Every structure is written in structure tokens, then in C-alpha cells.
Amino acid sequence: MATVSETIQVSGIRCEKCVMRLAKTLEGVAGLESANANLMGQVQLSYDDERTTRDALVETMARGGFREQLFV
């Protein structure tokens, strides 16, 4: 098991209720060990890369209304 930890910037977090909604969106995702979000839209993820992928987690968040912000 290889645990990956990273921070992803997302849009759609404006209040504590949004943070709780994001947590509910990610609840039960196989391989996700922890997820913590703040009001600035930073989501700290820790997951087993043999059971899930970064793309799968980003897709799950997008289905909940939270889009990854890419900075160029």
C-alpha cells in the first residue's frame, strides 16, 4: 500500500456548510484515508493509490459541485 498525500485547490467552497458538503461527497470513497478542506478551497487528501486515483477523487468532488482550479 502506497499512501499519497497532496493538496488540491477547488472552487465551490464559500462557507463551513460547503466544507461539510464536500466531506459528505467524499465519504465512503474506497481508498480515501482522509480529506480536510478549508475555506480557501484547499483540500488535503491522503489516499491509497492502489485503491483509488487522484483523477477519481477529483471527479467525485466535481460531481458534488467542487471543481479543481488549475493555475497556469
C-alpha atoms as a PDB file:
ATOM      1  CA  MET A   1       0.000   0.000   0.000  1.00  0.00           C
ATOM      2  CA  ALA A   2       1.392   3.369  -1.057  1.00  0.00           C
ATOM      3  CA  THR A   3      -0.204   6.350   0.629  1.00  0.00           C
ATOM      4  CA  VAL A   4      -0.234   9.558  -1.376  1.00  0.00           C
ATOM      5  CA  SER A   5      -0.783  12.931   0.280  1.00  0.00           C
ATOM      6  CA  GLU A   6      -1.445  16.094  -1.680  1.00  0.00           C
ATOM      7  CA  THR A   7      -3.336  19.352  -1.626  1.00  0.00           C
ATOM      8  CA  ILE A   8      -5.780  20.255  -4.380  1.00  0.00           C
ATOM      9  CA  GLN A   9      -7.278  23.715  -4.891  1.00  0.00           C
ATOM     10  CA  VAL A  10     -11.010  23.636  -5.671  1.00  0.00           C
ATOM     11  CA  SER A  11     -13.732  26.181  -6.334  1.00  0.00           C
ATOM     12  CA  GLY A  12     -17.157  25.996  -4.743  1.00  0.00           C
ATOM     13  CA  ILE A  13     -16.191  26.322  -1.081  1.00  0.00           C
ATOM     14  CA  ARG A  14     -17.652  29.507   0.362  1.00  0.00           C
ATOM     15  CA  CYS A  15     -18.682  28.582   3.910  1.00  0.00           C
ATOM     16  CA  GLU A  16     -18.496  25.910   6.601  1.00  0.00           C
ATOM     17  CA  LYS A  17     -21.596  24.262   5.142  1.00  0.00           C
ATOM     18  CA  CYS A  18     -19.695  23.847   1.846  1.00  0.00           C
ATOM     19  CA  VAL A  19     -16.820  22.198   3.713  1.00  0.00           C
ATOM     20  CA  MET A  20     -19.283  19.760   5.302  1.00  0.00           C
ATOM     21  CA  ARG A  21     -20.918  19.106   1.910  1.00  0.00           C
ATOM     22  CA  LEU A  22     -17.509  18.297   0.419  1.00  0.00           C
ATOM     23  CA  ALA A  23     -16.812  15.885   3.279  1.00  0.00           C
ATOM     24  CA  LYS A  24     -20.164  14.189   2.632  1.00  0.00           C
ATOM     25  CA  THR A  25     -19.351  13.982  -1.094  1.00  0.00           C
ATOM     26  CA  LEU A  26     -16.074  12.162  -0.385  1.00  0.00           C
ATOM     27  CA  GLU A  27     -17.476   9.956   2.398  1.00  0.00           C
ATOM     28  CA  GLY A  28     -17.104   6.276   1.654  1.00  0.00           C
ATOM     29  CA  VAL A  29     -14.737   6.574  -1.326  1.00  0.00           C
ATOM     30  CA  ALA A  30     -12.689   3.371  -1.338  1.00  0.00           C
ATOM     31  CA  GLY A  31      -9.032   4.053  -0.664  1.00  0.00           C
ATOM     32  CA  LEU A  32      -9.521   7.568   0.698  1.00  0.00           C
ATOM     33  CA  GLU A  33      -7.857   7.751   4.098  1.00  0.00           C
ATOM     34  CA  SER A  34      -8.514  11.395   4.929  1.00  0.00           C
ATOM     35  CA  ALA A  35      -9.742  14.626   3.403  1.00  0.00           C
ATOM     36  CA  ASN A  36      -9.636  18.047   5.038  1.00  0.00           C
ATOM     37  CA  ALA A  37     -10.815  21.255   3.398  1.00  0.00           C
ATOM     38  CA  ASN A  38     -10.523  24.877   4.420  1.00  0.00           C
ATOM     39  CA  LEU A  39     -12.490  27.982   3.467  1.00  0.00           C
ATOM     40  CA  MET A  40      -9.794  28.972   0.955  1.00  0.00           C
ATOM     41  CA  GLY A  41     -10.673  25.917  -1.144  1.00  0.00           C
ATOM     42  CA  GLN A  42      -7.604  23.872  -0.295  1.00  0.00           C
ATOM     43  CA  VAL A  43      -8.383  20.176   0.090  1.00  0.00           C
ATOM     44  CA  GLN A  44      -5.734  17.997   1.708  1.00  0.00           C
ATOM     45  CA  LEU A  45      -6.121  14.403   0.579  1.00  0.00           C
ATOM     46  CA  SER A  46      -4.460  11.235   1.764  1.00  0.00           C
ATOM     47  CA  TYR A  47      -5.290   8.079  -0.189  1.00  0.00           C
ATOM     48  CA  ASP A  48      -4.122   4.595  -1.076  1.00  0.00           C
ATOM     49  CA  ASP A  49      -3.046   4.826  -4.722  1.00  0.00           C
ATOM     50  CA  GLU A  50      -3.674   1.103  -5.193  1.00  0.00           C
ATOM     51  CA  ARG A  51      -7.386   1.564  -4.402  1.00  0.00           C
ATOM     52  CA  THR A  52      -8.157   4.963  -5.924  1.00  0.00           C
ATOM     53  CA  THR A  53      -6.582   7.654  -8.056  1.00  0.00           C
ATOM     54  CA  ARG A  54      -6.249  11.410  -7.936  1.00  0.00           C
ATOM     55  CA  ASP A  55      -8.447  11.637 -11.048  1.00  0.00           C
ATOM     56  CA  ALA A  56     -11.188   9.555  -9.416  1.00  0.00           C
ATOM     57  CA  LEU A  57     -11.172  11.809  -6.342  1.00  0.00           C
ATOM     58  CA  VAL A  58     -11.247  14.986  -8.472  1.00  0.00           C
ATOM     59  CA  GLU A  59     -14.155  13.519 -10.461  1.00  0.00           C
ATOM     60  CA  THR A  60     -16.056  12.684  -7.265  1.00  0.00           C
ATOM     61  CA  MET A  61     -15.557  16.238  -5.993  1.00  0.00           C
ATOM     62  CA  ALA A  62     -16.715  17.635  -9.367  1.00  0.00           C
ATOM     63  CA  ARG A  63     -19.932  15.608  -9.139  1.00  0.00           C
ATOM     64  CA  GLY A  64     -20.528  17.326  -5.796  1.00  0.00           C
ATOM     65  CA  GLY A  65     -20.047  20.773  -7.355  1.00  0.00           C
ATOM     66  CA  PHE A  66     -16.392  21.314  -6.435  1.00  0.00           C
ATOM     67  CA  ARG A  67     -14.137  21.899  -9.450  1.00  0.00           C
ATOM     68  CA  GLU A  68     -10.373  21.662  -9.389  1.00  0.00           C
ATOM     69  CA  GLN A  69      -8.726  25.014 -10.043  1.00  0.00           C
ATOM     70  CA  LEU A  70      -5.727  24.817 -12.328  1.00  0.00           C
ATOM     71  CA  PHE A  71      -3.273  27.693 -12.216  1.00  0.00           C
ATOM     72  CA  VAL A  72      -1.203  28.439 -15.270  1.00  0.00           C
END
